[in-house]
Amino acid sequence: MLLIHCPWCGDRDETEFHYGGQAHVDYPDNPNDMGDADWAGYLFMRDNPRGLFHERWSHTAGCRRWFNVVRDTATNEMHPETAGKVAP
């Protein structure tokens, strides 16, 4: 079982959450100028590092708010995201 810390509700079981993917993915500047291959890259290609990874989560069975965390993909240890740095 993975415990996820919601900034508003506290620690909860992972079944209460929905994974939203990689955090900090910028929307394209000129979406009307993008071809199919560019759109496919934007929609489906994400980083897949071993180690610290910035993610978006939604507390769907609780407060329904979105928030960012930093998760270590090797250990599943989660840290709140604070200005792009891992909190102690």
N, C-alpha and C. Protein backbone atom coordinates (compact mmCIF):
# COMPACT_ATOMS: atom_id res chain seq x y z
N MET A 1 0.85 -1.17 0.00
CA MET A 1 0.00 0.00 0.00
C MET A 1 0.90 1.24 0.00
N LEU A 2 0.56 2.18 -0.83
CA LEU A 2 1.28 3.44 -0.93
C LEU A 2 0.45 4.52 -0.23
N LEU A 3 1.07 5.22 0.72
CA LEU A 3 0.40 6.35 1.37
C LEU A 3 0.80 7.62 0.64
N ILE A 4 -0.18 8.40 0.28
CA ILE A 4 0.05 9.68 -0.40
C ILE A 4 -0.41 10.78 0.53
N HIS A 5 0.42 11.80 0.68
CA HIS A 5 0.08 12.91 1.55
C HIS A 5 -0.64 13.99 0.75
N CYS A 6 -1.93 14.17 1.02
CA CYS A 6 -2.69 15.27 0.44
C CYS A 6 -2.42 16.51 1.29
N PRO A 7 -2.03 17.62 0.68
CA PRO A 7 -1.75 18.83 1.46
C PRO A 7 -2.94 19.33 2.28
N TRP A 8 -4.16 18.94 1.89
CA TRP A 8 -5.36 19.42 2.58
C TRP A 8 -5.96 18.38 3.52
N CYS A 9 -5.82 17.09 3.20
CA CYS A 9 -6.48 16.03 3.98
C CYS A 9 -5.53 15.15 4.77
N GLY A 10 -4.23 15.26 4.52
CA GLY A 10 -3.27 14.43 5.22
C GLY A 10 -2.97 13.13 4.48
N ASP A 11 -2.36 12.18 5.17
CA ASP A 11 -1.98 10.90 4.57
C ASP A 11 -3.21 10.04 4.30
N ARG A 12 -3.28 9.52 3.09
CA ARG A 12 -4.40 8.67 2.68
C ARG A 12 -3.88 7.53 1.82
N ASP A 13 -4.67 6.48 1.71
CA ASP A 13 -4.33 5.34 0.87
C ASP A 13 -4.36 5.72 -0.60
N GLU A 14 -3.49 5.10 -1.37
CA GLU A 14 -3.37 5.43 -2.79
C GLU A 14 -4.67 5.22 -3.58
N THR A 15 -5.59 4.37 -3.08
CA THR A 15 -6.83 4.11 -3.80
C THR A 15 -7.74 5.34 -3.85
N GLU A 16 -7.46 6.36 -3.02
CA GLU A 16 -8.26 7.58 -3.02
C GLU A 16 -7.79 8.59 -4.07
N PHE A 17 -6.72 8.28 -4.79
CA PHE A 17 -6.10 9.25 -5.67
C PHE A 17 -6.11 8.81 -7.13
N HIS A 18 -5.95 9.78 -7.99
CA HIS A 18 -5.81 9.54 -9.43
C HIS A 18 -4.50 10.15 -9.88
N TYR A 19 -3.69 9.36 -10.57
CA TYR A 19 -2.39 9.83 -11.06
C TYR A 19 -2.63 10.73 -12.28
N GLY A 20 -2.00 11.89 -12.28
CA GLY A 20 -2.19 12.85 -13.36
C GLY A 20 -1.01 12.99 -14.29
N GLY A 21 0.02 12.19 -14.09
CA GLY A 21 1.17 12.24 -14.99
C GLY A 21 2.26 13.18 -14.54
N GLN A 22 3.17 13.42 -15.45
CA GLN A 22 4.33 14.26 -15.17
C GLN A 22 3.90 15.71 -14.94
N ALA A 23 4.45 16.32 -13.91
CA ALA A 23 4.16 17.72 -13.60
C ALA A 23 5.02 18.64 -14.47
N HIS A 24 4.59 19.86 -14.60
CA HIS A 24 5.35 20.92 -15.29
C HIS A 24 5.52 20.66 -16.79
N VAL A 25 4.51 20.11 -17.43
CA VAL A 25 4.54 19.93 -18.88
C VAL A 25 3.81 21.14 -19.47
N ASP A 26 4.53 21.97 -20.17
CA ASP A 26 3.96 23.21 -20.71
C ASP A 26 3.12 22.92 -21.95
N TYR A 27 1.98 23.61 -22.04
CA TYR A 27 1.13 23.53 -23.22
C TYR A 27 1.88 24.15 -24.39
N PRO A 28 1.74 23.59 -25.59
CA PRO A 28 2.46 24.13 -26.76
C PRO A 28 2.13 25.60 -27.01
N ASP A 29 3.15 26.36 -27.44
CA ASP A 29 2.96 27.78 -27.73
C ASP A 29 2.02 28.02 -28.90
N ASN A 30 2.17 27.24 -29.96
CA ASN A 30 1.34 27.40 -31.17
C ASN A 30 0.69 26.07 -31.53
N PRO A 31 -0.34 25.67 -30.81
CA PRO A 31 -0.94 24.35 -31.05
C PRO A 31 -1.53 24.20 -32.46
N ASN A 32 -1.99 25.28 -33.06
CA ASN A 32 -2.57 25.18 -34.40
C ASN A 32 -1.53 24.90 -35.47
N ASP A 33 -0.27 25.14 -35.17
CA ASP A 33 0.81 24.89 -36.13
C ASP A 33 1.42 23.51 -35.98
N MET A 34 0.93 22.72 -35.06
CA MET A 34 1.52 21.40 -34.80
C MET A 34 0.89 20.33 -35.68
N GLY A 35 1.73 19.44 -36.17
CA GLY A 35 1.24 18.30 -36.94
C GLY A 35 0.90 17.14 -36.02
N ASP A 36 0.42 16.05 -36.61
CA ASP A 36 0.02 14.89 -35.82
C ASP A 36 1.18 14.31 -35.00
N ALA A 37 2.36 14.23 -35.60
CA ALA A 37 3.51 13.67 -34.90
C ALA A 37 3.89 14.54 -33.69
N ASP A 38 3.81 15.86 -33.87
CA ASP A 38 4.12 16.77 -32.76
C ASP A 38 3.10 16.62 -31.63
N TRP A 39 1.82 16.50 -32.00
CA TRP A 39 0.78 16.32 -30.98
C TRP A 39 0.97 15.00 -30.26
N ALA A 40 1.30 13.95 -30.99
CA ALA A 40 1.53 12.65 -30.36
C ALA A 40 2.69 12.74 -29.37
N GLY A 41 3.75 13.44 -29.74
CA GLY A 41 4.87 13.63 -28.84
C GLY A 41 4.48 14.39 -27.58
N TYR A 42 3.69 15.44 -27.75
CA TYR A 42 3.24 16.24 -26.61
C TYR A 42 2.33 15.43 -25.68
N LEU A 43 1.42 14.66 -26.24
CA LEU A 43 0.44 13.93 -25.45
C LEU A 43 0.99 12.69 -24.77
N PHE A 44 1.90 11.98 -25.44
CA PHE A 44 2.28 10.66 -24.96
C PHE A 44 3.72 10.49 -24.51
N MET A 45 4.62 11.33 -24.94
CA MET A 45 6.03 11.16 -24.60
C MET A 45 6.36 11.92 -23.32
N ARG A 46 6.76 11.19 -22.30
CA ARG A 46 7.10 11.78 -21.01
C ARG A 46 8.42 11.19 -20.53
N ASP A 47 9.04 11.90 -19.61
CA ASP A 47 10.26 11.39 -18.99
C ASP A 47 9.94 10.13 -18.19
N ASN A 48 10.92 9.27 -18.05
CA ASN A 48 10.75 8.04 -17.28
C ASN A 48 12.04 7.77 -16.50
N PRO A 49 12.39 8.66 -15.56
CA PRO A 49 13.68 8.52 -14.89
C PRO A 49 13.64 7.50 -13.76
N ARG A 50 14.81 7.03 -13.41
CA ARG A 50 14.95 6.26 -12.17
C ARG A 50 15.44 7.26 -11.13
N GLY A 51 14.63 7.50 -10.14
CA GLY A 51 14.98 8.49 -9.12
C GLY A 51 13.86 9.49 -8.94
N LEU A 52 14.20 10.72 -8.63
CA LEU A 52 13.20 11.75 -8.33
C LEU A 52 12.45 12.18 -9.58
N PHE A 53 11.12 12.27 -9.44
CA PHE A 53 10.26 12.59 -10.57
C PHE A 53 9.10 13.45 -10.08
N HIS A 54 8.84 14.56 -10.74
CA HIS A 54 7.75 15.48 -10.38
C HIS A 54 6.45 14.98 -11.01
N GLU A 55 5.42 14.78 -10.17
CA GLU A 55 4.15 14.22 -10.62
C GLU A 55 2.97 15.06 -10.15
N ARG A 56 1.83 14.89 -10.85
CA ARG A 56 0.55 15.50 -10.47
C ARG A 56 -0.36 14.40 -9.95
N TRP A 57 -1.08 14.69 -8.87
CA TRP A 57 -2.04 13.76 -8.30
C TRP A 57 -3.32 14.51 -7.96
N SER A 58 -4.44 13.81 -8.05
CA SER A 58 -5.73 14.37 -7.68
C SER A 58 -6.33 13.50 -6.57
N HIS A 59 -6.81 14.14 -5.52
CA HIS A 59 -7.44 13.41 -4.42
C HIS A 59 -8.92 13.22 -4.76
N THR A 60 -9.20 12.27 -5.63
CA THR A 60 -10.53 12.08 -6.18
C THR A 60 -11.57 11.61 -5.16
N ALA A 61 -11.15 10.85 -4.16
CA ALA A 61 -12.10 10.36 -3.16
C ALA A 61 -12.09 11.22 -1.90
N GLY A 62 -11.49 12.39 -2.00
CA GLY A 62 -11.43 13.29 -0.85
C GLY A 62 -11.79 14.70 -1.27
N CYS A 63 -10.83 15.60 -1.16
CA CYS A 63 -11.09 17.03 -1.41
C CYS A 63 -11.16 17.36 -2.91
N ARG A 64 -10.78 16.43 -3.78
CA ARG A 64 -10.84 16.56 -5.24
C ARG A 64 -9.87 17.63 -5.77
N ARG A 65 -8.88 17.99 -5.02
CA ARG A 65 -7.90 18.99 -5.46
C ARG A 65 -6.70 18.31 -6.11
N TRP A 66 -6.07 19.06 -7.02
CA TRP A 66 -4.83 18.62 -7.66
C TRP A 66 -3.65 19.18 -6.90
N PHE A 67 -2.56 18.42 -6.86
CA PHE A 67 -1.33 18.89 -6.22
C PHE A 67 -0.14 18.16 -6.84
N ASN A 68 1.04 18.72 -6.63
CA ASN A 68 2.28 18.14 -7.14
C ASN A 68 3.04 17.47 -6.01
N VAL A 69 3.72 16.39 -6.34
CA VAL A 69 4.63 15.72 -5.41
C VAL A 69 5.90 15.36 -6.17
N VAL A 70 6.93 15.05 -5.43
CA VAL A 70 8.15 14.49 -6.01
C VAL A 70 8.24 13.07 -5.49
N ARG A 71 8.22 12.10 -6.42
CA ARG A 71 8.27 10.69 -6.03
C ARG A 71 9.57 10.08 -6.51
N ASP A 72 10.19 9.31 -5.64
CA ASP A 72 11.37 8.55 -6.03
C ASP A 72 10.86 7.28 -6.71
N THR A 73 11.09 7.15 -8.00
CA THR A 73 10.55 6.02 -8.75
C THR A 73 11.21 4.70 -8.38
N ALA A 74 12.36 4.74 -7.72
CA ALA A 74 13.03 3.50 -7.31
C ALA A 74 12.47 2.97 -6.00
N THR A 75 12.02 3.88 -5.10
CA THR A 75 11.56 3.45 -3.78
C THR A 75 10.09 3.77 -3.52
N ASN A 76 9.46 4.55 -4.37
CA ASN A 76 8.09 5.06 -4.21
C ASN A 76 7.94 6.03 -3.04
N GLU A 77 9.04 6.48 -2.46
CA GLU A 77 8.97 7.48 -1.40
C GLU A 77 8.51 8.80 -2.01
N MET A 78 7.54 9.44 -1.36
CA MET A 78 6.96 10.67 -1.88
C MET A 78 7.29 11.84 -0.96
N HIS A 79 7.56 12.98 -1.60
CA HIS A 79 7.87 14.22 -0.90
C HIS A 79 6.98 15.32 -1.45
N PRO A 80 6.51 16.25 -0.61
CA PRO A 80 5.77 17.39 -1.16
C PRO A 80 6.71 18.22 -2.02
N GLU A 81 6.18 18.80 -3.08
CA GLU A 81 6.98 19.63 -3.95
C GLU A 81 7.00 21.04 -3.38
N THR A 82 8.19 21.58 -3.17
CA THR A 82 8.32 22.94 -2.66
C THR A 82 9.30 23.68 -3.55
N ALA A 83 8.77 24.52 -4.41
CA ALA A 83 9.56 25.35 -5.32
C ALA A 83 10.55 24.52 -6.13
N GLY A 84 10.10 23.33 -6.57
CA GLY A 84 10.94 22.51 -7.42
C GLY A 84 12.01 21.73 -6.68
N LYS A 85 12.04 21.80 -5.35
CA LYS A 85 13.04 21.08 -4.57
C LYS A 85 12.33 20.08 -3.67
N VAL A 86 13.03 19.01 -3.35
CA VAL A 86 12.46 17.99 -2.47
C VAL A 86 12.54 18.49 -1.04
N ALA A 87 11.42 18.42 -0.36
CA ALA A 87 11.39 18.83 1.04
C ALA A 87 12.09 17.79 1.90
N PRO A 88 12.70 18.18 3.02
CA PRO A 88 13.39 17.21 3.87
C PRO A 88 12.43 16.23 4.52
